[in-house]
Every structure is written in structure tokens, then in C-alpha cells.
Amino acid sequence: MKKNGLLFLLLGLGQLARAQAYGSYKLSAGEKATINQVLDDYLGTFNAKDLKGWENTYHFPHYRLASGKMSVLERAGLRDSASVFGPQQKAGWDYSKWDRRNIVQASPEKVHIDTRFTRYRKDGRKVASYESLYVLTKENGKWGVKLRSSFAE
């Protein structure tokens, strides 16, 4: 009986370890706060039109899937502010806000976050809202945005 109990315990621990490896890891309050701070910094630097600061919230290579196309940014500094922020501003955008950020899966070094954000005009009128999935990774001890999949253009 003792052998069977030990065997079941070991099998259960093995299953728990595999489950955590596949996205069932429970983040601590501190980890959640750090991840949310990265997202706050991400959107804050975007709203400030601070391209360098925005790219500092990324991990490279950085991936974006939108409008049916995957774009890959190999490193920071490959874009200019006019090409990144100009089209948004022409469309009337002034700033964006998170509507929702729900961590739906996690491991110690990766999280999947179900998000929704809204773009606004300077006067506060809504431009559009978009559902997205953000993947943040912890690399060299630092969390950063590795991949974004969005229904935004």
C-alpha cells in the first residue's frame, strides 16, 4: 500500500509539473504587478510617441500579427517615429487605453494576455477598439512584449 501511495504521489507531482510547464503556472501577485507594469509602460510610451521607450518594452526579435501579416522587428532602432505614429495620427488617434488585460495562461517565463484596447481622439471620442493577444516573455530576468496578435490594422 505504501508503494502505491508513493507512486501516485510521484505521478501526481509529475503531472503538476507538466501542467505548469504548459501554461497552468500560478503567478504571484508580484509577478502579475510586474507584467502589468510592462503593459502600462508599453502603452504609456506609445501614447507619449516615445519610440525608443516603447521599443524598450519589447523583447527582440519582436513579432506582430495583424491584418493577416506577420511582421518581425529584429532589433530596436529600425523604425522612425513618423512611420510608426504618423498613420495613427492621420486617422485621428491621440492616445490609447487598456479596456481589459487578463492573463489567461502562464509559465515562469511566458504569459499569454487577453487584451482589449481603445484608441481615442484628443477630444476623448473613440476611434476604435481592438481585441488582442499579447505574449510577454521573461528573458535575462526581464519581462517584455515578445509577440502581439491584434485585430487592429
C-alpha atoms as a PDB file:
ATOM      1  CA  MET A   1       0.000   0.000   0.000  1.00  0.00           C
ATOM      2  CA  LYS A   2       2.834   2.404   0.817  1.00  0.00           C
ATOM      3  CA  LYS A   3       4.466   1.773  -2.558  1.00  0.00           C
ATOM      4  CA  ASN A   4       1.209   2.525  -4.409  1.00  0.00           C
ATOM      5  CA  GLY A   5       0.670   5.705  -2.413  1.00  0.00           C
ATOM      6  CA  LEU A   6       4.193   6.889  -3.163  1.00  0.00           C
ATOM      7  CA  LEU A   7       3.765   6.008  -6.835  1.00  0.00           C
ATOM      8  CA  PHE A   8       0.519   8.013  -7.050  1.00  0.00           C
ATOM      9  CA  LEU A   9       2.164  10.932  -5.267  1.00  0.00           C
ATOM     10  CA  LEU A  10       5.088  10.915  -7.707  1.00  0.00           C
ATOM     11  CA  LEU A  11       2.774  10.597 -10.702  1.00  0.00           C
ATOM     12  CA  GLY A  12       0.676  13.479  -9.379  1.00  0.00           C
ATOM     13  CA  LEU A  13       3.732  15.686  -8.905  1.00  0.00           C
ATOM     14  CA  GLY A  14       4.888  14.841 -12.417  1.00  0.00           C
ATOM     15  CA  GLN A  15       1.502  15.803 -13.837  1.00  0.00           C
ATOM     16  CA  LEU A  16       1.537  19.048 -11.850  1.00  0.00           C
ATOM     17  CA  ALA A  17       4.991  19.922 -13.171  1.00  0.00           C
ATOM     18  CA  ARG A  18       3.877  19.200 -16.752  1.00  0.00           C
ATOM     19  CA  ALA A  19       0.699  21.249 -16.303  1.00  0.00           C
ATOM     20  CA  GLN A  20       2.723  24.199 -15.037  1.00  0.00           C
ATOM     21  CA  ALA A  21       5.066  23.839 -17.989  1.00  0.00           C
ATOM     22  CA  TYR A  22       2.090  24.036 -20.343  1.00  0.00           C
ATOM     23  CA  GLY A  23       0.569  27.243 -19.051  1.00  0.00           C
ATOM     24  CA  SER A  24      -1.096  26.462 -15.722  1.00  0.00           C
ATOM     25  CA  TYR A  25       1.552  28.141 -13.588  1.00  0.00           C
ATOM     26  CA  LYS A  26       0.137  30.380 -10.854  1.00  0.00           C
ATOM     27  CA  LEU A  27       1.773  33.791 -10.927  1.00  0.00           C
ATOM     28  CA  SER A  28       2.484  35.563  -7.669  1.00  0.00           C
ATOM     29  CA  ALA A  29       0.971  38.978  -7.000  1.00  0.00           C
ATOM     30  CA  GLY A  30       4.424  40.487  -7.561  1.00  0.00           C
ATOM     31  CA  GLU A  31       4.822  38.774 -10.938  1.00  0.00           C
ATOM     32  CA  LYS A  32       1.379  39.989 -12.015  1.00  0.00           C
ATOM     33  CA  ALA A  33       2.224  43.522 -10.928  1.00  0.00           C
ATOM     34  CA  THR A  34       5.492  43.430 -12.877  1.00  0.00           C
ATOM     35  CA  ILE A  35       3.755  42.134 -16.010  1.00  0.00           C
ATOM     36  CA  ASN A  36       1.030  44.782 -15.750  1.00  0.00           C
ATOM     37  CA  GLN A  37       3.710  47.451 -15.273  1.00  0.00           C
ATOM     38  CA  VAL A  38       5.343  46.341 -18.540  1.00  0.00           C
ATOM     39  CA  LEU A  39       1.962  46.730 -20.270  1.00  0.00           C
ATOM     40  CA  ASP A  40       1.457  50.146 -18.636  1.00  0.00           C
ATOM     41  CA  ASP A  41       4.923  51.220 -19.799  1.00  0.00           C
ATOM     42  CA  TYR A  42       4.211  49.804 -23.253  1.00  0.00           C
ATOM     43  CA  LEU A  43       1.043  51.861 -23.673  1.00  0.00           C
ATOM     44  CA  GLY A  44       2.410  54.905 -21.835  1.00  0.00           C
ATOM     45  CA  THR A  45       5.434  55.202 -24.118  1.00  0.00           C
ATOM     46  CA  PHE A  46       3.236  54.587 -27.164  1.00  0.00           C
ATOM     47  CA  ASN A  47       0.894  57.394 -26.076  1.00  0.00           C
ATOM     48  CA  ALA A  48       3.915  59.659 -25.495  1.00  0.00           C
ATOM     49  CA  LYS A  49       5.064  58.807 -29.042  1.00  0.00           C
ATOM     50  CA  ASP A  50       8.370  57.764 -27.462  1.00  0.00           C
ATOM     51  CA  LEU A  51       9.597  55.163 -29.951  1.00  0.00           C
ATOM     52  CA  LYS A  52      12.797  54.364 -28.055  1.00  0.00           C
ATOM     53  CA  GLY A  53      10.927  53.939 -24.771  1.00  0.00           C
ATOM     54  CA  TRP A  54       8.240  51.864 -26.488  1.00  0.00           C
ATOM     55  CA  GLU A  55      10.828  49.537 -28.002  1.00  0.00           C
ATOM     56  CA  ASN A  56      12.419  49.194 -24.546  1.00  0.00           C
ATOM     57  CA  THR A  57       9.269  47.302 -23.509  1.00  0.00           C
ATOM     58  CA  TYR A  58       9.886  44.710 -26.258  1.00  0.00           C
ATOM     59  CA  HIS A  59      11.992  41.583 -26.447  1.00  0.00           C
ATOM     60  CA  PHE A  60      13.678  41.011 -29.800  1.00  0.00           C
ATOM     61  CA  PRO A  61      13.058  39.639 -32.232  1.00  0.00           C
ATOM     62  CA  HIS A  62       9.609  41.165 -31.749  1.00  0.00           C
ATOM     63  CA  TYR A  63       6.602  39.810 -33.638  1.00  0.00           C
ATOM     64  CA  ARG A  64       3.300  41.424 -34.644  1.00  0.00           C
ATOM     65  CA  LEU A  65       0.459  39.608 -36.382  1.00  0.00           C
ATOM     66  CA  ALA A  66      -2.167  41.988 -37.757  1.00  0.00           C
ATOM     67  CA  SER A  67      -4.155  42.366 -40.977  1.00  0.00           C
ATOM     68  CA  GLY A  68      -3.165  38.831 -41.922  1.00  0.00           C
ATOM     69  CA  LYS A  69       0.555  39.636 -41.926  1.00  0.00           C
ATOM     70  CA  MET A  70       3.331  38.730 -39.533  1.00  0.00           C
ATOM     71  CA  SER A  71       5.952  41.417 -39.145  1.00  0.00           C
ATOM     72  CA  VAL A  72       9.243  40.808 -37.396  1.00  0.00           C
ATOM     73  CA  LEU A  73      11.377  43.509 -35.859  1.00  0.00           C
ATOM     74  CA  GLU A  74      14.856  42.050 -35.366  1.00  0.00           C
ATOM     75  CA  ARG A  75      16.147  44.820 -33.099  1.00  0.00           C
ATOM     76  CA  ALA A  76      15.377  48.276 -31.775  1.00  0.00           C
ATOM     77  CA  GLY A  77      16.067  51.382 -33.823  1.00  0.00           C
ATOM     78  CA  LEU A  78      14.978  50.087 -37.226  1.00  0.00           C
ATOM     79  CA  ARG A  79      11.946  52.396 -37.486  1.00  0.00           C
ATOM     80  CA  ASP A  80      11.364  56.133 -37.249  1.00  0.00           C
ATOM     81  CA  SER A  81       8.653  57.873 -35.236  1.00  0.00           C
ATOM     82  CA  ALA A  82       6.925  59.338 -38.294  1.00  0.00           C
ATOM     83  CA  SER A  83       6.315  55.921 -39.855  1.00  0.00           C
ATOM     84  CA  VAL A  84       5.149  54.391 -36.571  1.00  0.00           C
ATOM     85  CA  PHE A  85       2.932  57.151 -35.175  1.00  0.00           C
ATOM     86  CA  GLY A  86       2.118  59.209 -38.289  1.00  0.00           C
ATOM     87  CA  PRO A  87      -0.521  56.893 -39.801  1.00  0.00           C
ATOM     88  CA  GLN A  88      -2.326  56.638 -36.440  1.00  0.00           C
ATOM     89  CA  GLN A  89      -2.342  60.394 -36.022  1.00  0.00           C
ATOM     90  CA  LYS A  90      -3.671  60.893 -39.576  1.00  0.00           C
ATOM     91  CA  ALA A  91      -6.545  58.577 -38.648  1.00  0.00           C
ATOM     92  CA  GLY A  92      -7.375  60.873 -35.717  1.00  0.00           C
ATOM     93  CA  TRP A  93      -5.643  58.916 -32.940  1.00  0.00           C
ATOM     94  CA  ASP A  94      -4.228  60.808 -29.979  1.00  0.00           C
ATOM     95  CA  TYR A  95      -3.958  58.192 -27.201  1.00  0.00           C
ATOM     96  CA  SER A  96      -4.995  54.666 -26.246  1.00  0.00           C
ATOM     97  CA  LYS A  97      -6.227  52.957 -23.066  1.00  0.00           C
ATOM     98  CA  TRP A  98      -6.426  49.361 -21.953  1.00  0.00           C
ATOM     99  CA  ASP A  99     -10.006  48.175 -21.555  1.00  0.00           C
ATOM    100  CA  ARG A 100      -9.006  44.704 -20.414  1.00  0.00           C
ATOM    101  CA  ARG A 101      -5.852  42.766 -19.570  1.00  0.00           C
ATOM    102  CA  ASN A 102      -6.450  39.181 -18.451  1.00  0.00           C
ATOM    103  CA  ILE A 103      -3.590  36.773 -18.018  1.00  0.00           C
ATOM    104  CA  VAL A 104      -5.061  33.565 -19.442  1.00  0.00           C
ATOM    105  CA  GLN A 105      -2.020  31.278 -19.389  1.00  0.00           C
ATOM    106  CA  ALA A 106       1.334  31.440 -17.680  1.00  0.00           C
ATOM    107  CA  SER A 107       4.611  29.709 -17.079  1.00  0.00           C
ATOM    108  CA  PRO A 108       7.513  31.115 -15.061  1.00  0.00           C
ATOM    109  CA  GLU A 109       8.928  32.672 -18.250  1.00  0.00           C
ATOM    110  CA  LYS A 110       5.932  33.331 -20.539  1.00  0.00           C
ATOM    111  CA  VAL A 111       2.409  34.711 -20.228  1.00  0.00           C
ATOM    112  CA  HIS A 112      -0.491  34.980 -22.657  1.00  0.00           C
ATOM    113  CA  ILE A 113      -2.644  38.040 -22.036  1.00  0.00           C
ATOM    114  CA  ASP A 114      -6.113  38.520 -23.497  1.00  0.00           C
ATOM    115  CA  THR A 115      -6.434  42.262 -24.050  1.00  0.00           C
ATOM    116  CA  ARG A 116      -8.716  44.868 -25.469  1.00  0.00           C
ATOM    117  CA  PHE A 117      -7.618  48.444 -26.064  1.00  0.00           C
ATOM    118  CA  THR A 118      -9.356  51.536 -27.374  1.00  0.00           C
ATOM    119  CA  ARG A 119      -7.865  54.341 -29.426  1.00  0.00           C
ATOM    120  CA  TYR A 120      -9.163  57.856 -28.738  1.00  0.00           C
ATOM    121  CA  ARG A 121      -9.121  61.266 -30.361  1.00  0.00           C
ATOM    122  CA  LYS A 122      -7.754  64.284 -28.494  1.00  0.00           C
ATOM    123  CA  ASP A 123     -11.301  65.305 -27.501  1.00  0.00           C
ATOM    124  CA  GLY A 124     -11.949  61.877 -25.940  1.00  0.00           C
ATOM    125  CA  ARG A 125     -14.090  60.467 -28.741  1.00  0.00           C
ATOM    126  CA  LYS A 126     -13.431  56.837 -29.520  1.00  0.00           C
ATOM    127  CA  VAL A 127     -11.624  55.956 -32.768  1.00  0.00           C
ATOM    128  CA  ALA A 128     -11.874  52.150 -32.431  1.00  0.00           C
ATOM    129  CA  SER A 129     -11.442  49.220 -30.026  1.00  0.00           C
ATOM    130  CA  TYR A 130      -9.436  46.074 -30.728  1.00  0.00           C
ATOM    131  CA  GLU A 131      -9.210  42.602 -29.252  1.00  0.00           C
ATOM    132  CA  SER A 132      -5.632  41.322 -28.984  1.00  0.00           C
ATOM    133  CA  LEU A 133      -3.409  38.636 -27.544  1.00  0.00           C
ATOM    134  CA  TYR A 134      -0.087  39.717 -26.093  1.00  0.00           C
ATOM    135  CA  VAL A 135       2.692  37.294 -25.269  1.00  0.00           C
ATOM    136  CA  LEU A 136       5.249  38.503 -22.753  1.00  0.00           C
ATOM    137  CA  THR A 137       8.440  36.593 -22.065  1.00  0.00           C
ATOM    138  CA  LYS A 138      10.954  36.790 -19.255  1.00  0.00           C
ATOM    139  CA  GLU A 139      14.414  36.926 -20.774  1.00  0.00           C
ATOM    140  CA  ASN A 140      17.587  37.564 -18.785  1.00  0.00           C
ATOM    141  CA  GLY A 141      15.408  38.295 -15.747  1.00  0.00           C
ATOM    142  CA  LYS A 142      13.294  40.970 -17.506  1.00  0.00           C
ATOM    143  CA  TRP A 143       9.694  40.765 -18.750  1.00  0.00           C
ATOM    144  CA  GLY A 144       8.997  42.219 -22.200  1.00  0.00           C
ATOM    145  CA  VAL A 145       6.466  42.076 -25.027  1.00  0.00           C
ATOM    146  CA  LYS A 146       7.578  39.368 -27.452  1.00  0.00           C
ATOM    147  CA  LEU A 147       4.513  38.975 -29.658  1.00  0.00           C
ATOM    148  CA  ARG A 148       1.297  40.827 -30.366  1.00  0.00           C
ATOM    149  CA  SER A 149      -1.609  39.392 -32.312  1.00  0.00           C
ATOM    150  CA  SER A 150      -4.237  42.008 -32.920  1.00  0.00           C
ATOM    151  CA  PHE A 151      -7.347  42.679 -34.943  1.00  0.00           C
ATOM    152  CA  ALA A 152      -6.096  46.250 -35.377  1.00  0.00           C
ATOM    153  CA  GLU A 153      -4.910  47.307 -38.801  1.00  0.00           C
END
